[in-house]
Protein backbone atom coordinates (compact mmCIF):
# COMPACT_ATOMS: atom_id res chain seq x y z
CA MET A 1 -13.23 -3.62 1.42
CA LYS A 2 -9.70 -4.87 0.92
CA VAL A 3 -8.94 -8.59 0.53
CA ALA A 4 -5.41 -10.02 0.62
CA ILE A 5 -4.71 -12.41 -2.25
CA LYS A 6 -1.74 -14.72 -2.69
CA LYS A 7 -0.68 -16.03 -6.08
CA LEU A 8 0.45 -19.65 -5.78
CA PRO A 9 3.44 -20.95 -7.80
CA HIS A 10 1.28 -22.61 -10.46
CA GLY A 11 -0.71 -19.36 -10.83
CA GLU A 12 2.34 -17.32 -11.86
CA GLY A 13 1.88 -15.57 -15.18
CA LEU A 14 -1.92 -15.44 -14.84
CA PRO A 15 -3.70 -12.18 -14.03
CA LEU A 16 -5.35 -11.84 -10.62
CA PRO A 17 -9.13 -12.29 -10.52
CA HIS A 18 -10.84 -9.17 -11.80
CA TYR A 19 -14.26 -7.65 -12.37
CA ALA A 20 -15.01 -7.65 -16.12
CA THR A 21 -17.12 -4.48 -15.95
CA PRO A 22 -17.79 -1.75 -13.36
CA GLY A 23 -21.20 -3.36 -12.68
CA SER A 24 -19.92 -6.92 -12.24
CA ALA A 25 -20.72 -8.61 -8.92
CA GLY A 26 -18.32 -11.51 -9.53
CA LEU A 27 -14.58 -11.64 -10.05
CA ASP A 28 -13.52 -13.90 -12.92
CA LEU A 29 -11.61 -16.99 -11.75
CA LEU A 30 -9.09 -18.46 -14.17
CA ALA A 31 -7.91 -22.05 -14.65
CA ALA A 32 -4.34 -22.48 -13.34
CA THR A 33 -3.72 -25.75 -15.17
CA ASP A 34 -0.42 -27.00 -16.60
CA GLY A 35 -1.98 -27.45 -20.01
CA GLU A 36 -5.24 -28.54 -21.54
CA ILE A 37 -7.61 -30.76 -19.55
CA ALA A 38 -10.54 -32.60 -21.10
CA LEU A 39 -13.62 -32.73 -18.88
CA ALA A 40 -15.56 -35.74 -20.14
CA PRO A 41 -19.36 -35.79 -20.36
CA GLY A 42 -20.79 -36.40 -16.89
CA ALA A 43 -17.36 -35.97 -15.26
CA ARG A 44 -16.49 -33.52 -12.51
CA MET A 45 -13.21 -32.12 -11.23
CA ALA A 46 -11.80 -29.48 -8.91
CA VAL A 47 -10.01 -27.04 -11.21
CA PRO A 48 -7.21 -25.03 -9.54
CA THR A 49 -7.21 -21.24 -9.77
CA GLY A 50 -3.68 -20.64 -8.47
CA ILE A 51 -4.80 -18.25 -5.74
CA ALA A 52 -5.54 -18.17 -2.01
CA ILE A 53 -7.25 -15.31 -0.19
CA GLU A 54 -7.56 -13.88 3.31
CA LEU A 55 -11.04 -12.56 3.96
CA PRO A 56 -11.96 -10.31 6.87
CA LEU A 57 -14.10 -11.81 9.64
CA GLY A 58 -17.77 -11.55 8.68
CA VAL A 59 -17.02 -11.89 4.96
CA GLU A 60 -17.31 -14.92 2.69
CA ALA A 61 -16.50 -15.60 -0.93
CA GLN A 62 -18.83 -17.65 -3.09
CA VAL A 63 -17.65 -19.61 -6.14
CA ARG A 64 -20.41 -19.58 -8.74
CA PRO A 65 -20.91 -20.79 -12.32
CA ARG A 66 -20.43 -18.61 -15.39
CA SER A 67 -23.66 -18.29 -17.35
CA GLY A 68 -21.95 -18.52 -20.76
CA LEU A 69 -20.25 -21.82 -19.89
CA ALA A 70 -23.55 -23.20 -18.59
CA LEU A 71 -25.67 -22.14 -21.56
CA ASN A 72 -23.19 -22.73 -24.37
CA HIS A 73 -21.30 -25.78 -23.09
CA GLY A 74 -23.29 -27.38 -20.25
CA ILE A 75 -20.48 -26.63 -17.76
CA THR A 76 -21.45 -25.55 -14.26
CA CYS A 77 -20.18 -25.58 -10.69
CA LEU A 78 -21.20 -28.24 -8.22
CA ASN A 79 -21.72 -27.20 -4.59
CA SER A 80 -22.88 -23.87 -5.96
CA PRO A 81 -22.40 -21.46 -4.51
CA GLY A 82 -19.30 -22.92 -2.94
CA THR A 83 -18.53 -21.02 0.25
CA ILE A 84 -15.03 -19.88 1.14
CA ASP A 85 -14.89 -19.03 4.83
CA SER A 86 -12.81 -16.18 6.25
CA ASP A 87 -10.48 -18.61 8.05
CA TYR A 88 -9.68 -20.75 4.96
CA ARG A 89 -6.20 -20.15 3.55
CA GLY A 90 -5.94 -22.92 0.96
CA GLU A 91 -6.22 -22.70 -2.80
CA ILE A 92 -9.53 -21.70 -4.28
CA LYS A 93 -10.79 -24.33 -6.70
CA ALA A 94 -13.89 -24.50 -8.87
CA ILE A 95 -15.69 -27.85 -8.83
CA LEU A 96 -16.85 -28.13 -12.44
CA ILE A 97 -19.18 -30.70 -14.00
CA ASN A 98 -19.86 -31.34 -17.66
CA HIS A 99 -23.59 -31.80 -18.31
CA SER A 100 -23.13 -31.93 -22.09
CA ASP A 101 -22.64 -34.96 -24.31
CA THR A 102 -19.18 -33.89 -25.52
CA ALA A 103 -15.84 -33.43 -23.79
CA PHE A 104 -15.02 -29.84 -22.77
CA LYS A 105 -11.45 -28.57 -23.00
CA ILE A 106 -10.22 -26.45 -20.09
CA THR A 107 -7.12 -24.45 -20.96
CA ARG A 108 -4.73 -22.44 -18.81
CA GLY A 109 -6.08 -18.94 -18.18
CA MET A 110 -9.65 -19.79 -19.22
CA LYS A 111 -12.43 -18.10 -17.24
CA ILE A 112 -13.97 -21.06 -15.41
CA ALA A 113 -16.09 -19.57 -12.62
CA GLN A 114 -16.77 -16.37 -10.77
CA MET A 115 -16.24 -15.38 -7.15
CA VAL A 116 -18.61 -13.07 -5.29
CA ILE A 117 -17.40 -11.55 -2.04
CA ALA A 118 -20.15 -10.74 0.46
CA ARG A 119 -20.70 -9.88 4.10
CA HIS A 120 -22.58 -12.32 6.30
CA GLU A 121 -23.68 -12.71 9.89
CA GLN A 122 -23.51 -15.64 12.27
CA ALA A 123 -26.86 -16.26 13.89
CA GLU A 124 -27.39 -16.98 17.56
CA LEU A 125 -29.71 -20.01 17.64
CA ILE A 126 -32.29 -20.05 20.39
CA GLU A 127 -34.08 -23.35 20.91
CA ALA A 128 -37.88 -22.97 20.98
CA GLU A 129 -40.79 -25.34 21.63
CA THR A 130 -43.00 -23.55 19.09
CA LEU A 131 -42.63 -21.16 16.16
CA THR A 132 -44.99 -18.34 15.18
CA ASP A 133 -47.53 -19.03 12.43
CA SER A 134 -47.09 -17.69 8.91
CA ALA A 135 -49.20 -17.69 5.74
CA ARG A 136 -46.92 -20.36 4.22
CA GLY A 137 -46.55 -22.51 7.29
CA ALA A 138 -44.57 -25.72 6.68
CA GLY A 139 -45.27 -25.73 2.92
CA GLY A 140 -42.15 -26.14 0.84
CA PHE A 141 -40.77 -27.75 -2.32
CA GLY A 142 -43.20 -26.12 -4.74
CA SER A 143 -45.98 -25.41 -2.27
CA THR A 144 -46.42 -21.84 -3.57
CA GLY A 145 -47.16 -23.15 -7.08
CA MET A 146 -45.69 -22.50 -10.53
CA ALA A 147 -47.99 -19.72 -11.77
CA VAL A 148 -48.48 -16.19 -10.50
CA LYS A 149 -51.88 -15.82 -8.88
CA SER A 150 -53.89 -12.89 -10.17
């Protein structure tokens, strides 16, 4: 699949998003900041990536956290995965939050999130008076338990 990507003026000089390895599902998104930004403990911000994309109809992009930032620094993405619809043409931003007890420095060109591009379908909703029964029924929010049943 081919996806058109536009580098915005403040993204000049940064590489385009790329897959780190042949097996990577996500493209690395980079911070397109003017300099260093300190993300205070408990704070959140939309960090610019300096790019916009044009996705084909039936395709979405999802902005997701990077596991290393989450584990090592307590930095993750809010609204995760953040959905980018095929008709959106604005800048892609990563909404980051600092769950640690120390400020986190975001620098220009830093890998801040990843973007997964995936196909999707739009469902046709059909209103019904009843739904078929299932083994789970209406159970949710932990209703299947925490342990594997043997």
